[in-house]
Amino acid sequence: MTKNKDPQGSRSDQDEARVARYAALEAETPTVSEIDFYQRSRRSFITGGIAAAVGFGVFRSVQSAELVDRAPRPLRAVHEANEALWRRLFREDHQARTFDRSESSMMRVTGRHGIREEVDLEAWELRVEGPDGATLGVHSLDDIQALPKYEHTIEHKCVEGWSHIVTWGGARFSDFAGLYREELGELPAFVDLKTPDGEYYVGIELATMLHDQTLLTYELQGEALDSDHGAPLRLSTPLKYGIKQIKRIGTIRFSDVQPDDYWHERGYDWYAGL
């Protein structure tokens, strides 16, 4: 009986073809002499060493620089440059991207500054103050819920680097501020917000606060806020990082001067814009 021949040829033929291919590849590969190799290695080592030294020098320079608002001066200068840029780019009619409700889900809990203690929701109240600190009004949650309700699905962005698509429900701050336009006349340039215990506080410029997508929020994913997410009332806006979206608002003050800000005092950017 005659055996069928291997269609790929004998094993020895395959080995010879493989050796020939390797030889051809080796012939095409550029060669580097031993001297060139060591010269290139030495240059790479020196270049890498210089880059590391410069980087370390810059790091030490920043680390030892004078502190401005608890941040090294060079870092604070970068924050201020970012703020100047984002202020110029801000447009009142620009809308942040929105998503379909089906894309949203319950957001993780981060940050408990100002909300570590439980709150009596029945006793909670929102105090509104003028630039001189005088009380202009006191509100219950019912007062906020009596304003037109808006719901939108947006991307909540954290300064830590993560983001989450979430659905907020509440009243536009612009509608709430309208309750005080007659009394205040032209609204001051800033808004100062604090938790009831005063432990957490943020300052935001009026333009962002009056934007259509900035809400006094009392619902998350169609349900009333729980304590960890800022019950009974928090701020939400896609125009700022989460550090500005204060939970459990206790006081709102209209201010003529830039207010203090919890994280700005700890080295972060005051504007925190997106």
Foldseek 3Di string as FASTA:
>chain_A
DDDDADPVHDPVVVVVVVVVVVVVVVVPDDDDDPVRVVVVVVVVVVVVVVVVVVVVVVVVCQVPADDDLQGHPVLVVVLVVVVVVVVVVDDLPDDADFDDLVQADDDDFDDCFLLPDDDDLVPAKEWEAEAVRDTPDIGHVVVFVVADKDKTWHWAAAPVGDIGTWIWMTHQLLRVVVVCCVVVPPFAQKKKWAAPVRRFIAIATVSQSNRPQKGFTQDISRHGDDSSQAPRTWIDHPFAHPLRTGGRTHYMYGHNDTDDGDVSSNPDRRHRTD
